[in-house]
Structure formats: structure tokens, C-alpha cells
C-alpha atoms as a PDB file:
ATOM      1  CA  MET A   1      20.201 -65.896 -83.580  1.00  0.00           C
ATOM      2  CA  SER A   2      16.425 -66.155 -84.092  1.00  0.00           C
ATOM      3  CA  LEU A   3      13.166 -64.534 -82.988  1.00  0.00           C
ATOM      4  CA  ASP A   4       9.462 -65.271 -83.409  1.00  0.00           C
ATOM      5  CA  TRP A   5       6.221 -64.057 -81.858  1.00  0.00           C
ATOM      6  CA  GLU A   6       3.728 -66.491 -80.357  1.00  0.00           C
ATOM      7  CA  CYS A   7       0.882 -65.662 -82.715  1.00  0.00           C
ATOM      8  CA  LYS A   8      -2.275 -65.915 -80.626  1.00  0.00           C
ATOM      9  CA  SER A   9      -1.515 -63.744 -77.607  1.00  0.00           C
ATOM     10  CA  ASP A  10       1.260 -61.533 -79.049  1.00  0.00           C
ATOM     11  CA  ARG A  11       2.643 -61.463 -75.516  1.00  0.00           C
ATOM     12  CA  LEU A  12       5.405 -64.053 -75.892  1.00  0.00           C
ATOM     13  CA  LEU A  13       8.580 -63.543 -77.889  1.00  0.00           C
ATOM     14  CA  LEU A  14      10.650 -66.662 -78.523  1.00  0.00           C
ATOM     15  CA  ILE A  15      14.413 -66.141 -78.669  1.00  0.00           C
ATOM     16  CA  GLY A  16      16.926 -68.695 -79.975  1.00  0.00           C
ATOM     17  CA  THR A  17      20.585 -68.277 -78.976  1.00  0.00           C
ATOM     18  CA  ALA A  18      24.009 -69.475 -80.126  1.00  0.00           C
ATOM     19  CA  ASP A  19      24.536 -71.532 -76.971  1.00  0.00           C
ATOM     20  CA  GLY A  20      21.520 -73.824 -77.378  1.00  0.00           C
ATOM     21  CA  GLY A  21      19.060 -71.678 -75.459  1.00  0.00           C
ATOM     22  CA  ILE A  22      15.405 -71.066 -76.310  1.00  0.00           C
ATOM     23  CA  LYS A  23      13.858 -68.369 -74.133  1.00  0.00           C
ATOM     24  CA  ALA A  24      10.243 -67.196 -73.920  1.00  0.00           C
ATOM     25  CA  TRP A  25      10.062 -63.500 -73.032  1.00  0.00           C
ATOM     26  CA  ASN A  26       6.736 -62.190 -71.710  1.00  0.00           C
ATOM     27  CA  VAL A  27       6.357 -58.577 -72.834  1.00  0.00           C
ATOM     28  CA  ASP A  28       3.781 -57.777 -70.119  1.00  0.00           C
ATOM     29  CA  ALA A  29       5.832 -59.203 -67.253  1.00  0.00           C
ATOM     30  CA  LYS A  30       9.069 -57.990 -68.903  1.00  0.00           C
ATOM     31  CA  ARG A  31      10.883 -61.191 -68.004  1.00  0.00           C
ATOM     32  CA  VAL A  32      11.830 -64.617 -69.283  1.00  0.00           C
ATOM     33  CA  VAL A  33       9.029 -67.022 -68.310  1.00  0.00           C
ATOM     34  CA  CYS A  34      10.567 -70.169 -69.788  1.00  0.00           C
ATOM     35  CA  ASP A  35      14.168 -71.180 -70.489  1.00  0.00           C
ATOM     36  CA  LEU A  36      14.687 -74.289 -72.639  1.00  0.00           C
ATOM     37  CA  SER A  37      17.804 -75.943 -74.020  1.00  0.00           C
ATOM     38  CA  THR A  38      18.526 -77.917 -77.154  1.00  0.00           C
ATOM     39  CA  THR A  39      20.902 -80.868 -76.950  1.00  0.00           C
ATOM     40  CA  GLU A  40      24.610 -80.018 -76.594  1.00  0.00           C
ATOM     41  CA  ALA A  41      25.252 -81.471 -80.059  1.00  0.00           C
ATOM     42  CA  PHE A  42      23.142 -78.720 -81.700  1.00  0.00           C
ATOM     43  CA  PRO A  43      23.959 -75.415 -79.967  1.00  0.00           C
ATOM     44  CA  SER A  44      23.024 -72.883 -82.694  1.00  0.00           C
ATOM     45  CA  VAL A  45      19.276 -72.155 -82.803  1.00  0.00           C
ATOM     46  CA  LEU A  46      19.115 -70.748 -86.339  1.00  0.00           C
ATOM     47  CA  ASP A  47      15.348 -70.294 -86.611  1.00  0.00           C
ATOM     48  CA  LEU A  48      12.146 -70.602 -84.573  1.00  0.00           C
ATOM     49  CA  LYS A  49       8.601 -70.627 -85.923  1.00  0.00           C
ATOM     50  CA  CYS A  50       5.296 -70.802 -84.039  1.00  0.00           C
ATOM     51  CA  SER A  51       2.290 -72.529 -85.569  1.00  0.00           C
ATOM     52  CA  LEU A  52      -0.553 -70.126 -86.381  1.00  0.00           C
ATOM     53  CA  VAL A  53      -3.077 -72.708 -85.144  1.00  0.00           C
ATOM     54  CA  GLU A  54      -1.600 -75.225 -82.676  1.00  0.00           C
ATOM     55  CA  PRO A  55       0.210 -74.362 -79.410  1.00  0.00           C
ATOM     56  CA  ILE A  56       3.527 -75.605 -80.829  1.00  0.00           C
ATOM     57  CA  PHE A  57       6.721 -74.183 -82.275  1.00  0.00           C
ATOM     58  CA  VAL A  58       9.567 -75.717 -84.250  1.00  0.00           C
ATOM     59  CA  SER A  59      13.252 -75.009 -83.679  1.00  0.00           C
ATOM     60  CA  ALA A  60      15.974 -75.445 -86.293  1.00  0.00           C
ATOM     61  CA  ALA A  61      19.261 -76.057 -84.492  1.00  0.00           C
ATOM     62  CA  ALA A  62      22.673 -76.830 -85.962  1.00  0.00           C
ATOM     63  CA  SER A  63      25.893 -78.423 -84.819  1.00  0.00           C
ATOM     64  CA  LYS A  64      29.209 -76.586 -85.178  1.00  0.00           C
ATOM     65  CA  GLY A  65      30.961 -76.640 -88.549  1.00  0.00           C
ATOM     66  CA  ASN A  66      34.588 -75.982 -89.395  1.00  0.00           C
ATOM     67  CA  GLY A  67      34.362 -72.888 -91.603  1.00  0.00           C
ATOM     68  CA  SER A  68      34.824 -69.202 -90.915  1.00  0.00           C
ATOM     69  CA  SER A  69      31.768 -67.749 -92.683  1.00  0.00           C
ATOM     70  CA  TYR A  70      28.182 -67.865 -91.368  1.00  0.00           C
ATOM     71  CA  ASN A  71      27.089 -70.865 -93.470  1.00  0.00           C
ATOM     72  CA  ASP A  72      30.419 -72.725 -93.398  1.00  0.00           C
ATOM     73  CA  ASN A  73      30.388 -72.613 -89.611  1.00  0.00           C
ATOM     74  CA  LEU A  74      27.148 -74.619 -89.531  1.00  0.00           C
ATOM     75  CA  GLY A  75      27.224 -78.392 -89.295  1.00  0.00           C
ATOM     76  CA  PHE A  76      24.293 -80.809 -89.225  1.00  0.00           C
ATOM     77  CA  ALA A  77      20.613 -80.044 -88.619  1.00  0.00           C
ATOM     78  CA  SER A  78      18.080 -80.944 -85.951  1.00  0.00           C
ATOM     79  CA  LEU A  79      14.375 -79.997 -86.249  1.00  0.00           C
ATOM     80  CA  THR A  80      12.471 -80.225 -82.963  1.00  0.00           C
ATOM     81  CA  VAL A  81       8.744 -79.708 -82.341  1.00  0.00           C
ATOM     82  CA  TRP A  82       7.946 -78.179 -78.900  1.00  0.00           C
ATOM     83  CA  ASN A  83       4.643 -78.012 -77.007  1.00  0.00           C
ATOM     84  CA  MET A  84       4.000 -74.478 -75.714  1.00  0.00           C
ATOM     85  CA  LYS A  85       1.680 -75.619 -72.915  1.00  0.00           C
ATOM     86  CA  THR A  86       4.110 -78.071 -71.325  1.00  0.00           C
ATOM     87  CA  TRP A  87       7.275 -76.419 -72.750  1.00  0.00           C
ATOM     88  CA  LYS A  88       8.629 -79.857 -73.603  1.00  0.00           C
ATOM     89  CA  ALA A  89       9.984 -81.340 -76.828  1.00  0.00           C
ATOM     90  CA  VAL A  90       7.323 -83.455 -78.571  1.00  0.00           C
ATOM     91  CA  THR A  91       9.176 -84.955 -81.521  1.00  0.00           C
ATOM     92  CA  VAL A  92      12.143 -84.563 -83.857  1.00  0.00           C
ATOM     93  CA  LEU A  93      11.283 -84.283 -87.548  1.00  0.00           C
ATOM     94  CA  PRO A  94      13.176 -86.776 -89.754  1.00  0.00           C
ATOM     95  CA  LEU A  95      15.877 -85.363 -92.033  1.00  0.00           C
ATOM     96  CA  GLY A  96      17.961 -88.461 -92.787  1.00  0.00           C
ATOM     97  CA  LYS A  97      21.603 -89.141 -91.897  1.00  0.00           C
ATOM     98  CA  ASP A  98      23.932 -86.157 -91.329  1.00  0.00           C
ATOM     99  CA  PRO A  99      21.529 -83.567 -92.809  1.00  0.00           C
ATOM    100  CA  PRO A 100      22.906 -80.122 -93.750  1.00  0.00           C
ATOM    101  CA  ALA A 101      21.870 -77.308 -91.399  1.00  0.00           C
ATOM    102  CA  ILE A 102      18.333 -75.927 -91.712  1.00  0.00           C
ATOM    103  CA  THR A 103      18.511 -72.139 -91.981  1.00  0.00           C
ATOM    104  CA  SER A 104      14.875 -71.012 -92.289  1.00  0.00           C
ATOM    105  CA  LEU A 105      11.396 -72.305 -91.388  1.00  0.00           C
ATOM    106  CA  CYS A 106       7.893 -71.301 -92.476  1.00  0.00           C
ATOM    107  CA  PHE A 107       4.420 -72.636 -91.570  1.00  0.00           C
ATOM    108  CA  ASN A 108       1.505 -72.415 -93.978  1.00  0.00           C
ATOM    109  CA  HIS A 109      -1.698 -70.651 -92.837  1.00  0.00           C
ATOM    110  CA  ASN A 110      -3.300 -73.651 -91.110  1.00  0.00           C
ATOM    111  CA  GLY A 111      -0.102 -75.038 -89.588  1.00  0.00           C
ATOM    112  CA  LYS A 112      -0.412 -78.359 -91.424  1.00  0.00           C
ATOM    113  CA  ILE A 113       2.656 -77.863 -93.613  1.00  0.00           C
ATOM    114  CA  LEU A 114       6.135 -76.755 -92.524  1.00  0.00           C
ATOM    115  CA  ALA A 115       8.696 -75.660 -95.109  1.00  0.00           C
ATOM    116  CA  ALA A 116      12.400 -75.760 -94.256  1.00  0.00           C
ATOM    117  CA  SER A 117      15.424 -74.605 -96.249  1.00  0.00           C
ATOM    118  CA  ALA A 118      18.965 -75.918 -95.935  1.00  0.00           C
ATOM    119  CA  THR A 119      22.590 -74.966 -96.508  1.00  0.00           C
ATOM    120  CA  ASP A 120      22.798 -77.436 -99.420  1.00  0.00           C
ATOM    121  CA  GLY A 121      20.141 -75.468-101.360  1.00  0.00           C
ATOM    122  CA  MET A 122      17.293 -77.921-100.676  1.00  0.00           C
ATOM    123  CA  ILE A 123      13.716 -77.046 -99.715  1.00  0.00           C
ATOM    124  CA  HIS A 124      11.969 -79.646 -97.525  1.00  0.00           C
ATOM    125  CA  MET A 125       8.201 -79.834 -96.880  1.00  0.00           C
ATOM    126  CA  PHE A 126       6.797 -81.622 -93.816  1.00  0.00           C
ATOM    127  CA  ASP A 127       3.317 -82.890 -92.958  1.00  0.00           C
ATOM    128  CA  MET A 128       3.025 -81.803 -89.312  1.00  0.00           C
ATOM    129  CA  ALA A 129       0.209 -84.228 -88.448  1.00  0.00           C
ATOM    130  CA  ALA A 130       2.236 -87.219 -89.636  1.00  0.00           C
ATOM    131  CA  GLY A 131       5.586 -85.752 -88.598  1.00  0.00           C
ATOM    132  CA  LEU A 132       7.077 -86.794 -91.942  1.00  0.00           C
ATOM    133  CA  GLN A 133       8.694 -85.158 -94.950  1.00  0.00           C
ATOM    134  CA  ILE A 134       6.291 -85.235 -97.903  1.00  0.00           C
ATOM    135  CA  THR A 135       8.418 -83.641-100.612  1.00  0.00           C
ATOM    136  CA  GLY A 136      11.558 -81.656-101.306  1.00  0.00           C
ATOM    137  CA  TRP A 137      13.574 -80.309-104.220  1.00  0.00           C
ATOM    138  CA  PRO A 138      16.953 -78.678-104.973  1.00  0.00           C
ATOM    139  CA  ALA A 139      16.200 -74.948-105.225  1.00  0.00           C
ATOM    140  CA  HIS A 140      19.596 -73.184-105.160  1.00  0.00           C
ATOM    141  CA  ASP A 141      23.236 -73.844-105.966  1.00  0.00           C
ATOM    142  CA  SER A 142      24.109 -72.043-102.732  1.00  0.00           C
ATOM    143  CA  ALA A 143      22.799 -72.197 -99.172  1.00  0.00           C
ATOM    144  CA  ILE A 144      19.252 -70.864 -98.749  1.00  0.00           C
ATOM    145  CA  SER A 145      18.990 -67.918 -96.354  1.00  0.00           C
ATOM    146  CA  SER A 146      15.250 -67.347 -96.137  1.00  0.00           C
ATOM    147  CA  LEU A 147      11.948 -69.007 -97.042  1.00  0.00           C
ATOM    148  CA  LEU A 148       8.376 -67.606 -97.268  1.00  0.00           C
ATOM    149  CA  PHE A 149       5.020 -68.982 -98.410  1.00  0.00           C
ATOM    150  CA  GLY A 150       3.369 -66.788-101.038  1.00  0.00           C
ATOM    151  CA  PRO A 151       0.151 -64.916-100.134  1.00  0.00           C
ATOM    152  CA  ASP A 152      -2.211 -67.511-101.663  1.00  0.00           C
ATOM    153  CA  GLU A 153       0.067 -70.419-100.669  1.00  0.00           C
ATOM    154  CA  THR A 154       0.264 -71.771-104.207  1.00  0.00           C
ATOM    155  CA  SER A 155       3.926 -70.721-104.242  1.00  0.00           C
ATOM    156  CA  ILE A 156       6.946 -70.351-101.990  1.00  0.00           C
ATOM    157  CA  PHE A 157       9.768 -67.770-102.138  1.00  0.00           C
ATOM    158  CA  SER A 158      13.398 -68.673-101.466  1.00  0.00           C
ATOM    159  CA  LEU A 159      16.441 -66.409-101.076  1.00  0.00           C
ATOM    160  CA  GLY A 160      19.880 -67.901-101.686  1.00  0.00           C
ATOM    161  CA  SER A 161      23.050 -66.731 -99.947  1.00  0.00           C
ATOM    162  CA  ASP A 162      24.218 -65.768-103.464  1.00  0.00           C
ATOM    163  CA  GLY A 163      21.404 -63.184-103.637  1.00  0.00           C
ATOM    164  CA  LYS A 164      19.158 -65.070-106.055  1.00  0.00           C
ATOM    165  CA  ILE A 165      15.411 -65.017-105.294  1.00  0.00           C
ATOM    166  CA  PHE A 166      13.017 -67.603-106.735  1.00  0.00           C
ATOM    167  CA  GLU A 167       9.256 -67.991-106.454  1.00  0.00           C
ATOM    168  CA  TRP A 168       8.476 -71.708-106.795  1.00  0.00           C
ATOM    169  CA  SER A 169       5.130 -73.177-107.825  1.00  0.00           C
ATOM    170  CA  LEU A 170       3.669 -75.605-105.268  1.00  0.00           C
ATOM    171  CA  GLN A 171       1.278 -76.966-107.887  1.00  0.00           C
ATOM    172  CA  ASN A 172       3.995 -77.813-110.428  1.00  0.00           C
ATOM    173  CA  GLN A 173       6.987 -78.710-108.279  1.00  0.00           C
ATOM    174  CA  GLY A 174      10.275 -77.357-109.594  1.00  0.00           C
ATOM    175  CA  GLN A 175       8.644 -74.659-111.767  1.00  0.00           C
ATOM    176  CA  VAL A 176       9.996 -71.145-111.220  1.00  0.00           C
ATOM    177  CA  LEU A 177       7.219 -68.522-111.463  1.00  0.00           C
ATOM    178  CA  TRP A 178       9.368 -65.428-110.834  1.00  0.00           C
ATOM    179  CA  SER A 179      13.010 -64.669-110.099  1.00  0.00           C
ATOM    180  CA  ARG A 180      15.313 -61.764-109.301  1.00  0.00           C
ATOM    181  CA  ASN A 181      19.004 -61.336-108.507  1.00  0.00           C
ATOM    182  CA  CYS A 182      19.763 -59.037-105.571  1.00  0.00           C
ATOM    183  CA  SER A 183      23.406 -60.127-105.200  1.00  0.00           C
ATOM    184  CA  ARG A 184      24.586 -56.497-105.173  1.00  0.00           C
ATOM    185  CA  PHE A 185      22.693 -56.098-101.876  1.00  0.00           C
ATOM    186  CA  CYS A 186      23.380 -59.572-100.439  1.00  0.00           C
ATOM    187  CA  ASP A 187      27.093 -59.497-101.249  1.00  0.00           C
ATOM    188  CA  ALA A 188      29.477 -62.270-100.245  1.00  0.00           C
ATOM    189  CA  GLU A 189      31.025 -60.223 -97.432  1.00  0.00           C
ATOM    190  CA  SER A 190      27.734 -59.501 -95.640  1.00  0.00           C
ATOM    191  CA  SER A 191      26.598 -63.117 -96.152  1.00  0.00           C
ATOM    192  CA  LYS A 192      29.684 -64.267 -94.248  1.00  0.00           C
ATOM    193  CA  LEU A 193      28.491 -62.386 -91.176  1.00  0.00           C
ATOM    194  CA  CYS A 194      24.735 -62.866 -91.153  1.00  0.00           C
ATOM    195  CA  ARG A 195      21.750 -64.581 -92.736  1.00  0.00           C
ATOM    196  CA  HIS A 196      19.735 -62.362 -95.065  1.00  0.00           C
ATOM    197  CA  GLU A 197      15.952 -62.516 -94.828  1.00  0.00           C
ATOM    198  CA  MET A 198      12.808 -61.592 -96.790  1.00  0.00           C
ATOM    199  CA  ALA A 199       9.403 -60.210 -95.835  1.00  0.00           C
ATOM    200  CA  LEU A 200       6.142 -59.865 -97.782  1.00  0.00           C
ATOM    201  CA  ASN A 201       3.618 -57.086 -97.237  1.00  0.00           C
ATOM    202  CA  ALA A 202       0.022 -57.908 -96.255  1.00  0.00           C
ATOM    203  CA  ASN A 203      -1.290 -58.537 -99.784  1.00  0.00           C
ATOM    204  CA  GLY A 204       1.890 -60.266-100.947  1.00  0.00           C
ATOM    205  CA  ARG A 205       2.589 -57.806-103.761  1.00  0.00           C
ATOM    206  CA  ARG A 206       5.780 -56.337-102.306  1.00  0.00           C
ATOM    207  CA  LEU A 207       8.880 -58.297-101.260  1.00  0.00           C
ATOM    208  CA  LEU A 208      11.549 -56.715 -99.034  1.00  0.00           C
ATOM    209  CA  VAL A 209      15.040 -58.217 -98.729  1.00  0.00           C
ATOM    210  CA  THR A 210      17.625 -57.348 -96.070  1.00  0.00           C
ATOM    211  CA  SER A 211      20.816 -55.783 -97.333  1.00  0.00           C
ATOM    212  CA  GLY A 212      24.500 -55.411 -96.597  1.00  0.00           C
ATOM    213  CA  SER A 213      24.279 -51.908 -98.111  1.00  0.00           C
ATOM    214  CA  VAL A 214      22.695 -48.642 -96.976  1.00  0.00           C
ATOM    215  CA  ARG A 215      19.840 -49.362 -99.410  1.00  0.00           C
ATOM    216  CA  VAL A 216      17.454 -52.338 -99.404  1.00  0.00           C
ATOM    217  CA  PRO A 217      15.631 -53.785-102.407  1.00  0.00           C
ATOM    218  CA  ILE A 218      11.811 -53.861-102.579  1.00  0.00           C
ATOM    219  CA  TYR A 219      10.215 -55.818-105.424  1.00  0.00           C
END
């Protein structure tokens, strides 16, 4: 369900599964070198992100929901911080009572801030040193599929399951700097099956969005 590279060595690929597994695959040894498990209550590992600075990663796991589509089948969220030297859970980030599932995670450049998006359309920002949420705001009327810090980190991009893309100012919270609607690519049918994602190029001037069509949008 999720993948991320361990940034410093580029030798470890973290893999999150639908049965609560988090595996570390060593590309040199061509084998799994560590096999972790989330709690049984949160079996779906929806996203994994490694810090660019510290030897830690964060997992976003979700309990089972009652719906048939991708987002409706997600229940409550659990955000866990893991130490990559001991391969043990360090802490659980606070989200309040019965929090909606977290779908996407993103660290800033120095690993001090973690952004997380949820199925209720909220964006949450965490101070990693304190292990606390520092701010958050309602960003979409739908579930958020993907989240990315902008190239200069004065903004953050969010992609809703309805295909709407917003670039939010981090200096004036709640201010939309740029927006597009790619709903003809992220149609309702494809969003039922998978979570669409975004990627920025190196200088942050081009944004690519995954698609349920044979074409993909680049902005």
C-alpha cells in the first residue's frame, strides 16, 4: 500500500502492507532485513515517510471501515514514529479521539515538521521534536489523497480525491496561492480503487498527478 526510500543510504526500501506489515528491503542483499508489525487494530499501512535528517520514519496506519471504495473502507488513524536503528516504535503522534484515517505524509527539508492529510479533508502539521500537532486547517470538501511541501517550503500542495489541487500558503494559513481541477483524470471510479498522488520536479516548477486515464496531467 505504501513505499518510501531511506534517504541517506538509498539501500533500504520501506514497504507498508494491507495486513499491518512494514518491511525493510535491502536492495544490495536483495532480501527483507527487518519485518515490523503495526497493532492489529490498524492493519492498513497507507503511507510511510523517512526523515531526511534523523534515522526515523513515520507510518500512517488505518483501521478497517465499512465502505466499498478506497476511502470509505478506511476507519480511524494511527501515526507512529519508528527508530531505524533499533527498529522499534518510539511514539504515537496525537490526533485526538477517533481521528479520520491519515492518507498521506510529508516531511519538510530538515525533518522538524511533518504534514499529514486526512480523509475528512484536514491538513495537520506536527512539530517532531515536541511530538505535538502545532496547526491544522480544513483544506478540501473530500478526502485528501496526496500532500507535498512546495520547493521553498513556504507552501504546501494538496490533492483531493475529487481531483482538486490547491497550493496553500504556510505564511498566511488558509490562503490558496494556486489551484487546478484535474477531476477528469482523477475520476470517481479510479478513486474508488486507488489513492492518486502528486510529484514535483527538482525545481518545483512542474507538478505531475497520477491518472485513471491513459494520459496524465503535468502543470
